[in-house]
PDB file of N, CA and C in Angstrom:
ATOM      1  N   MET A   1       1.062  -1.203   0.125  1.00  0.00           N
ATOM      2  CA  MET A   1      -0.145  -0.219   0.111  1.00  0.00           C
ATOM      3  C   MET A   1       0.607   1.563   0.046  1.00  0.00           C
ATOM      4  N   ASN A   2       0.083   1.935  -0.652  1.00  0.00           N
ATOM      5  CA  ASN A   2       1.021   3.661  -0.542  1.00  0.00           C
ATOM      6  C   ASN A   2       0.521   4.153  -0.597  1.00  0.00           C
ATOM      7  N   GLY A   3       0.439   5.732  -0.234  1.00  0.00           N
ATOM      8  CA  GLY A   3      -0.096   6.695  -0.663  1.00  0.00           C
ATOM      9  C   GLY A   3      -1.430   6.892   0.027  1.00  0.00           C
ATOM     10  N   TYR A   4      -2.224   7.166  -0.057  1.00  0.00           N
ATOM     11  CA  TYR A   4      -3.524   7.775   0.741  1.00  0.00           C
ATOM     12  C   TYR A   4      -3.451   6.935   1.504  1.00  0.00           C
ATOM     13  N   TYR A   5      -4.431   5.894   1.604  1.00  0.00           N
ATOM     14  CA  TYR A   5      -4.177   5.519   2.096  1.00  0.00           C
ATOM     15  C   TYR A   5      -3.805   4.611   3.753  1.00  0.00           C
ATOM     16  N   GLU A   6      -2.632   4.456   3.037  1.00  0.00           N
ATOM     17  CA  GLU A   6      -0.917   3.788   3.760  1.00  0.00           C
ATOM     18  C   GLU A   6      -0.498   4.822   4.847  1.00  0.00           C
ATOM     19  N   ARG A   7      -1.208   6.057   4.515  1.00  0.00           N
ATOM     20  CA  ARG A   7      -1.182   7.340   5.103  1.00  0.00           C
ATOM     21  C   ARG A   7      -2.027   7.629   6.207  1.00  0.00           C
ATOM     22  N   LEU A   8      -3.789   7.074   5.802  1.00  0.00           N
ATOM     23  CA  LEU A   8      -4.612   7.232   6.729  1.00  0.00           C
ATOM     24  C   LEU A   8      -4.345   5.926   7.730  1.00  0.00           C
ATOM     25  N   MET A   9      -3.790   5.105   7.048  1.00  0.00           N
ATOM     26  CA  MET A   9      -3.611   3.816   8.344  1.00  0.00           C
ATOM     27  C   MET A   9      -3.073   3.985   9.242  1.00  0.00           C
ATOM     28  N   ARG A  10      -1.579   4.728   9.182  1.00  0.00           N
ATOM     29  CA  ARG A  10      -0.234   5.113  10.232  1.00  0.00           C
ATOM     30  C   ARG A  10      -1.306   6.185  10.715  1.00  0.00           C
ATOM     31  N   GLN A  11      -1.935   6.866  10.924  1.00  0.00           N
ATOM     32  CA  GLN A  11      -2.995   7.826  11.689  1.00  0.00           C
ATOM     33  C   GLN A  11      -4.116   7.180  12.477  1.00  0.00           C
ATOM     34  N   GLN A  12      -4.295   6.349  12.199  1.00  0.00           N
ATOM     35  CA  GLN A  12      -5.842   6.200  12.806  1.00  0.00           C
ATOM     36  C   GLN A  12      -5.656   4.713  13.304  1.00  0.00           C
ATOM     37  N   PHE A  13      -4.195   3.709  13.038  1.00  0.00           N
ATOM     38  CA  PHE A  13      -4.227   2.837  13.532  1.00  0.00           C
ATOM     39  C   PHE A  13      -3.626   3.442  14.853  1.00  0.00           C
ATOM     40  N   HIS A  14      -4.593   2.125  15.982  1.00  0.00           N
ATOM     41  CA  HIS A  14      -4.054   2.966  16.885  1.00  0.00           C
ATOM     42  C   HIS A  14      -3.290   1.789  17.710  1.00  0.00           C
ATOM     43  N   ARG A  15      -2.140   1.100  18.430  1.00  0.00           N
ATOM     44  CA  ARG A  15      -1.362   1.085  18.865  1.00  0.00           C
ATOM     45  C   ARG A  15      -1.076  -0.263  19.523  1.00  0.00           C
ATOM     46  N   LYS A  16      -1.702   0.551  20.821  1.00  0.00           N
ATOM     47  CA  LYS A  16      -2.216   0.560  22.156  1.00  0.00           C
ATOM     48  C   LYS A  16      -2.843  -1.101  22.570  1.00  0.00           C
ATOM     49  N   PRO A  17      -3.845  -1.098  22.034  1.00  0.00           N
ATOM     50  CA  PRO A  17      -5.257  -2.772  22.088  1.00  0.00           C
ATOM     51  C   PRO A  17      -3.997  -3.695  21.412  1.00  0.00           C
ATOM     52  N   TYR A  18      -3.156  -3.581  20.131  1.00  0.00           N
ATOM     53  CA  TYR A  18      -2.458  -3.777  19.924  1.00  0.00           C
ATOM     54  C   TYR A  18      -0.638  -5.122  20.195  1.00  0.00           C
ATOM     55  N   GLY A  19      -0.959  -3.808  21.416  1.00  0.00           N
ATOM     56  CA  GLY A  19       0.782  -3.930  21.901  1.00  0.00           C
ATOM     57  C   GLY A  19       1.775  -5.110  21.667  1.00  0.00           C
ATOM     58  N   ARG A  20       0.157  -6.108  22.447  1.00  0.00           N
ATOM     59  CA  ARG A  20       1.088  -7.194  22.863  1.00  0.00           C
ATOM     60  C   ARG A  20       0.994  -8.679  22.036  1.00  0.00           C
ATOM     61  N   ARG A  21       0.001  -8.800  21.578  1.00  0.00           N
ATOM     62  CA  ARG A  21      -1.139  -9.725  20.850  1.00  0.00           C
ATOM     63  C   ARG A  21       0.178  -9.889  19.780  1.00  0.00           C
ATOM     64  N   TRP A  22       1.404  -9.920  19.451  1.00  0.00           N
ATOM     65  CA  TRP A  22       2.030 -11.129  18.383  1.00  0.00           C
ATOM     66  C   TRP A  22       2.674 -11.674  20.030  1.00  0.00           C
ATOM     67  N   ARG A  23       2.588 -12.012  21.253  1.00  0.00           N
ATOM     68  CA  ARG A  23       3.522 -12.501  22.111  1.00  0.00           C
ATOM     69  C   ARG A  23       2.376 -13.985  22.583  1.00  0.00           C
ATOM     70  N   ILE A  24       1.063 -13.797  22.267  1.00  0.00           N
ATOM     71  CA  ILE A  24       0.395 -14.083  22.158  1.00  0.00           C
ATOM     72  C   ILE A  24      -0.108 -14.977  21.199  1.00  0.00           C
ATOM     73  N   GLU A  25       0.040 -14.547  20.226  1.00  0.00           N
ATOM     74  CA  GLU A  25       0.166 -15.668  18.914  1.00  0.00           C
ATOM     75  C   GLU A  25       0.996 -15.460  18.282  1.00  0.00           C
ATOM     76  N   THR A  26       1.738 -15.633  19.157  1.00  0.00           N
ATOM     77  CA  THR A  26       3.201 -16.336  18.879  1.00  0.00           C
ATOM     78  C   THR A  26       3.413 -18.074  19.966  1.00  0.00           C
ATOM     79  N   ALA A  27       3.138 -18.066  21.807  1.00  0.00           N
ATOM     80  CA  ALA A  27       2.857 -18.357  22.105  1.00  0.00           C
ATOM     81  C   ALA A  27       2.012 -19.570  21.904  1.00  0.00           C
ATOM     82  N   LEU A  28       0.737 -19.032  21.116  1.00  0.00           N
ATOM     83  CA  LEU A  28      -0.307 -20.619  20.909  1.00  0.00           C
ATOM     84  C   LEU A  28       0.559 -21.246  19.258  1.00  0.00           C
ATOM     85  N   SER A  29       1.047 -20.304  18.083  1.00  0.00           N
ATOM     86  CA  SER A  29       0.939 -20.753  17.646  1.00  0.00           C
ATOM     87  C   SER A  29       2.294 -21.980  17.498  1.00  0.00           C
ATOM     88  N   MET A  30       3.167 -21.785  18.915  1.00  0.00           N
ATOM     89  CA  MET A  30       4.051 -22.707  18.871  1.00  0.00           C
ATOM     90  C   MET A  30       4.218 -23.630  20.030  1.00  0.00           C
ATOM     91  N   LEU A  31       2.491 -23.702  20.498  1.00  0.00           N
ATOM     92  CA  LEU A  31       2.514 -24.630  21.691  1.00  0.00           C
ATOM     93  C   LEU A  31       0.363 -25.712  20.429  1.00  0.00           C
ATOM     94  N   ASN A  32       0.636 -25.274  19.930  1.00  0.00           N
ATOM     95  CA  ASN A  32      -0.193 -26.632  18.332  1.00  0.00           C
ATOM     96  C   ASN A  32       0.460 -26.528  17.613  1.00  0.00           C
ATOM     97  N   ARG A  33       2.337 -26.018  17.516  1.00  0.00           N
ATOM     98  CA  ARG A  33       3.200 -27.262  16.258  1.00  0.00           C
ATOM     99  C   ARG A  33       3.656 -28.166  17.492  1.00  0.00           C
ATOM    100  N   SER A  34       3.958 -27.760  18.470  1.00  0.00           N
ATOM    101  CA  SER A  34       4.383 -28.564  19.202  1.00  0.00           C
ATOM    102  C   SER A  34       3.685 -29.655  20.175  1.00  0.00           C
ATOM    103  N   LEU A  35       2.722 -29.340  19.897  1.00  0.00           N
ATOM    104  CA  LEU A  35       1.755 -30.584  20.916  1.00  0.00           C
ATOM    105  C   LEU A  35       0.580 -30.434  20.570  1.00  0.00           C
ATOM    106  N   GLY A  36      -0.089 -30.119  19.770  1.00  0.00           N
ATOM    107  CA  GLY A  36      -1.377 -30.524  18.074  1.00  0.00           C
ATOM    108  C   GLY A  36      -2.200 -29.135  19.198  1.00  0.00           C
ATOM    109  N   SER A  37      -3.794 -29.425  18.343  1.00  0.00           N
ATOM    110  CA  SER A  37      -4.139 -27.893  17.978  1.00  0.00           C
ATOM    111  C   SER A  37      -5.907 -28.771  18.958  1.00  0.00           C
ATOM    112  N   ALA A  38      -5.997 -29.867  17.756  1.00  0.00           N
ATOM    113  CA  ALA A  38      -6.665 -30.471  18.296  1.00  0.00           C
ATOM    114  C   ALA A  38      -7.588 -31.702  19.533  1.00  0.00           C
ATOM    115  N   LEU A  39      -8.833 -31.207  20.037  1.00  0.00           N
ATOM    116  CA  LEU A  39      -9.046 -31.456  21.260  1.00  0.00           C
ATOM    117  C   LEU A  39     -10.020 -32.856  20.997  1.00  0.00           C
ATOM    118  N   LYS A  40     -10.030 -33.725  22.212  1.00  0.00           N
ATOM    119  CA  LYS A  40     -10.913 -35.074  21.451  1.00  0.00           C
ATOM    120  C   LYS A  40     -12.504 -35.202  22.343  1.00  0.00           C
ATOM    121  N   ALA A  41     -11.824 -34.359  23.588  1.00  0.00           N
ATOM    122  CA  ALA A  41     -12.687 -34.622  24.507  1.00  0.00           C
ATOM    123  C   ALA A  41     -13.996 -33.502  24.377  1.00  0.00           C
ATOM    124  N   ARG A  42     -15.878 -33.985  24.346  1.00  0.00           N
ATOM    125  CA  ARG A  42     -16.516 -32.963  23.760  1.00  0.00           C
ATOM    126  C   ARG A  42     -17.307 -32.963  24.514  1.00  0.00           C
ATOM    127  N   SER A  43     -17.081 -32.022  26.262  1.00  0.00           N
ATOM    128  CA  SER A  43     -18.025 -31.362  26.709  1.00  0.00           C
ATOM    129  C   SER A  43     -16.935 -30.869  27.314  1.00  0.00           C
ATOM    130  N   TYR A  44     -17.608 -29.450  28.046  1.00  0.00           N
ATOM    131  CA  TYR A  44     -16.412 -28.448  28.520  1.00  0.00           C
ATOM    132  C   TYR A  44     -15.591 -28.920  29.562  1.00  0.00           C
ATOM    133  N   HIS A  45     -15.552 -29.546  30.297  1.00  0.00           N
ATOM    134  CA  HIS A  45     -15.253 -30.202  31.869  1.00  0.00           C
ATOM    135  C   HIS A  45     -13.863 -30.730  31.279  1.00  0.00           C
ATOM    136  N   SER A  46     -14.465 -31.893  30.130  1.00  0.00           N
ATOM    137  CA  SER A  46     -13.318 -32.603  29.359  1.00  0.00           C
ATOM    138  C   SER A  46     -12.473 -31.819  28.443  1.00  0.00           C
ATOM    139  N   GLN A  47     -12.575 -30.906  28.393  1.00  0.00           N
ATOM    140  CA  GLN A  47     -11.620 -30.500  27.440  1.00  0.00           C
ATOM    141  C   GLN A  47     -10.688 -30.075  28.286  1.00  0.00           C
ATOM    142  N   SER A  48     -11.569 -28.599  29.060  1.00  0.00           N
ATOM    143  CA  SER A  48     -10.103 -28.210  30.620  1.00  0.00           C
ATOM    144  C   SER A  48      -9.693 -28.797  30.518  1.00  0.00           C
ATOM    145  N   ARG A  49      -9.858 -30.510  30.933  1.00  0.00           N
ATOM    146  CA  ARG A  49      -8.681 -31.946  31.467  1.00  0.00           C
ATOM    147  C   ARG A  49      -7.509 -31.808  30.132  1.00  0.00           C
ATOM    148  N   GLU A  50      -7.702 -31.850  28.707  1.00  0.00           N
ATOM    149  CA  GLU A  50      -7.323 -32.699  28.273  1.00  0.00           C
ATOM    150  C   GLU A  50      -6.686 -31.307  27.781  1.00  0.00           C
ATOM    151  N   ILE A  51      -6.642 -29.923  28.160  1.00  0.00           N
ATOM    152  CA  ILE A  51      -6.090 -28.327  27.790  1.00  0.00           C
ATOM    153  C   ILE A  51      -4.687 -28.764  28.431  1.00  0.00           C
ATOM    154  N   ARG A  52      -4.773 -28.991  29.886  1.00  0.00           N
ATOM    155  CA  ARG A  52      -3.905 -28.822  31.299  1.00  0.00           C
ATOM    156  C   ARG A  52      -2.835 -29.966  31.138  1.00  0.00           C
ATOM    157  N   LEU A  53      -2.679 -30.846  30.452  1.00  0.00           N
ATOM    158  CA  LEU A  53      -1.453 -30.912  30.319  1.00  0.00           C
ATOM    159  C   LEU A  53      -0.763 -30.771  29.053  1.00  0.00           C
ATOM    160  N   PRO A  54      -1.087 -30.175  27.668  1.00  0.00           N
ATOM    161  CA  PRO A  54      -0.402 -29.348  27.039  1.00  0.00           C
ATOM    162  C   PRO A  54       0.259 -28.365  26.826  1.00  0.00           C
ATOM    163  N   VAL A  55      -1.039 -27.928  28.145  1.00  0.00           N
ATOM    164  CA  VAL A  55      -0.308 -26.508  29.435  1.00  0.00           C
ATOM    165  C   VAL A  55       0.985 -26.320  29.884  1.00  0.00           C
ATOM    166  N   LEU A  56       0.951 -27.261  30.373  1.00  0.00           N
ATOM    167  CA  LEU A  56       1.744 -27.575  31.481  1.00  0.00           C
ATOM    168  C   LEU A  56       2.822 -28.103  30.589  1.00  0.00           C
ATOM    169  N   THR A  57       2.938 -29.234  29.532  1.00  0.00           N
ATOM    170  CA  THR A  57       4.687 -29.216  28.368  1.00  0.00           C
ATOM    171  C   THR A  57       4.769 -28.312  28.061  1.00  0.00           C
ATOM    172  N   HIS A  58       4.464 -27.503  27.588  1.00  0.00           N
ATOM    173  CA  HIS A  58       4.651 -26.212  26.966  1.00  0.00           C
ATOM    174  C   HIS A  58       5.377 -25.238  27.986  1.00  0.00           C
ATOM    175  N   ASP A  59       5.270 -24.892  29.192  1.00  0.00           N
ATOM    176  CA  ASP A  59       4.929 -24.652  30.221  1.00  0.00           C
ATOM    177  C   ASP A  59       7.229 -24.786  30.726  1.00  0.00           C
ATOM    178  N   LEU A  60       6.592 -25.697  30.834  1.00  0.00           N
ATOM    179  CA  LEU A  60       8.087 -26.029  31.194  1.00  0.00           C
ATOM    180  C   LEU A  60       9.433 -26.407  29.906  1.00  0.00           C
ATOM    181  N   MET A  61       9.203 -26.668  29.446  1.00  0.00           N
ATOM    182  CA  MET A  61      10.000 -26.654  27.661  1.00  0.00           C
ATOM    183  C   MET A  61      10.224 -25.670  27.585  1.00  0.00           C
ATOM    184  N   THR A  62       9.898 -24.074  27.921  1.00  0.00           N
ATOM    185  CA  THR A  62      10.391 -22.657  28.290  1.00  0.00           C
ATOM    186  C   THR A  62      11.189 -22.415  29.245  1.00  0.00           C
ATOM    187  N   LEU A  63      11.018 -23.129  30.274  1.00  0.00           N
ATOM    188  CA  LEU A  63      11.959 -23.235  31.157  1.00  0.00           C
ATOM    189  C   LEU A  63      12.780 -23.687  31.160  1.00  0.00           C
ATOM    190  N   ARG A  64      12.927 -24.866  30.306  1.00  0.00           N
ATOM    191  CA  ARG A  64      13.878 -25.801  29.832  1.00  0.00           C
ATOM    192  C   ARG A  64      14.886 -25.107  29.237  1.00  0.00           C
ATOM    193  N   ARG A  65      13.970 -24.172  27.951  1.00  0.00           N
ATOM    194  CA  ARG A  65      14.359 -23.624  26.725  1.00  0.00           C
ATOM    195  C   ARG A  65      15.459 -22.392  27.548  1.00  0.00           C
ATOM    196  N   GLN A  66      14.483 -21.922  28.504  1.00  0.00           N
ATOM    197  CA  GLN A  66      15.270 -20.178  29.281  1.00  0.00           C
ATOM    198  C   GLN A  66      16.886 -20.836  30.200  1.00  0.00           C
ATOM    199  N   GLN A  67      15.931 -21.999  31.116  1.00  0.00           N
ATOM    200  CA  GLN A  67      17.593 -22.703  31.260  1.00  0.00           C
ATOM    201  C   GLN A  67      19.005 -22.281  31.087  1.00  0.00           C
ATOM    202  N   HIS A  68      18.452 -23.016  29.406  1.00  0.00           N
ATOM    203  CA  HIS A  68      19.568 -24.092  28.707  1.00  0.00           C
ATOM    204  C   HIS A  68      20.204 -22.535  27.780  1.00  0.00           C
ATOM    205  N   VAL A  69      19.815 -21.943  28.141  1.00  0.00           N
ATOM    206  CA  VAL A  69      20.091 -19.932  27.425  1.00  0.00           C
ATOM    207  C   VAL A  69      20.701 -19.455  28.322  1.00  0.00           C
ATOM    208  N   LEU A  70      20.543 -19.589  29.531  1.00  0.00           N
ATOM    209  CA  LEU A  70      21.109 -18.483  30.615  1.00  0.00           C
ATOM    210  C   LEU A  70      22.310 -19.539  30.885  1.00  0.00           C
ATOM    211  N   TYR A  71      22.357 -20.579  31.167  1.00  0.00           N
ATOM    212  CA  TYR A  71      23.498 -21.546  31.824  1.00  0.00           C
ATOM    213  C   TYR A  71      24.101 -21.715  30.811  1.00  0.00           C
ATOM    214  N   GLY A  72      23.760 -21.753  29.242  1.00  0.00           N
ATOM    215  CA  GLY A  72      24.970 -21.809  28.440  1.00  0.00           C
ATOM    216  C   GLY A  72      25.173 -23.680  28.554  1.00  0.00           C
ATOM    217  N   ALA A  73      24.314 -24.706  29.700  1.00  0.00           N
ATOM    218  CA  ALA A  73      24.864 -25.628  29.038  1.00  0.00           C
ATOM    219  C   ALA A  73      23.572 -26.165  27.905  1.00  0.00           C
TER     220      ALA A  73
END
């Protein structure tokens, strides 16, 4: 986009609501790629239980990666 519409978008686009959205999108993308994105459970309660393990696994993987970078081991 060049010209009028590009300038208009830059002037009227509010960055504050989208300031951290990229972090959330990145985390969800990592979770889906590494652990899968489909749930087999049908009820809300079962889905909630089923998603806890991949989220916990993702958190542990992230902590391990941070320790690896921090300590260089």
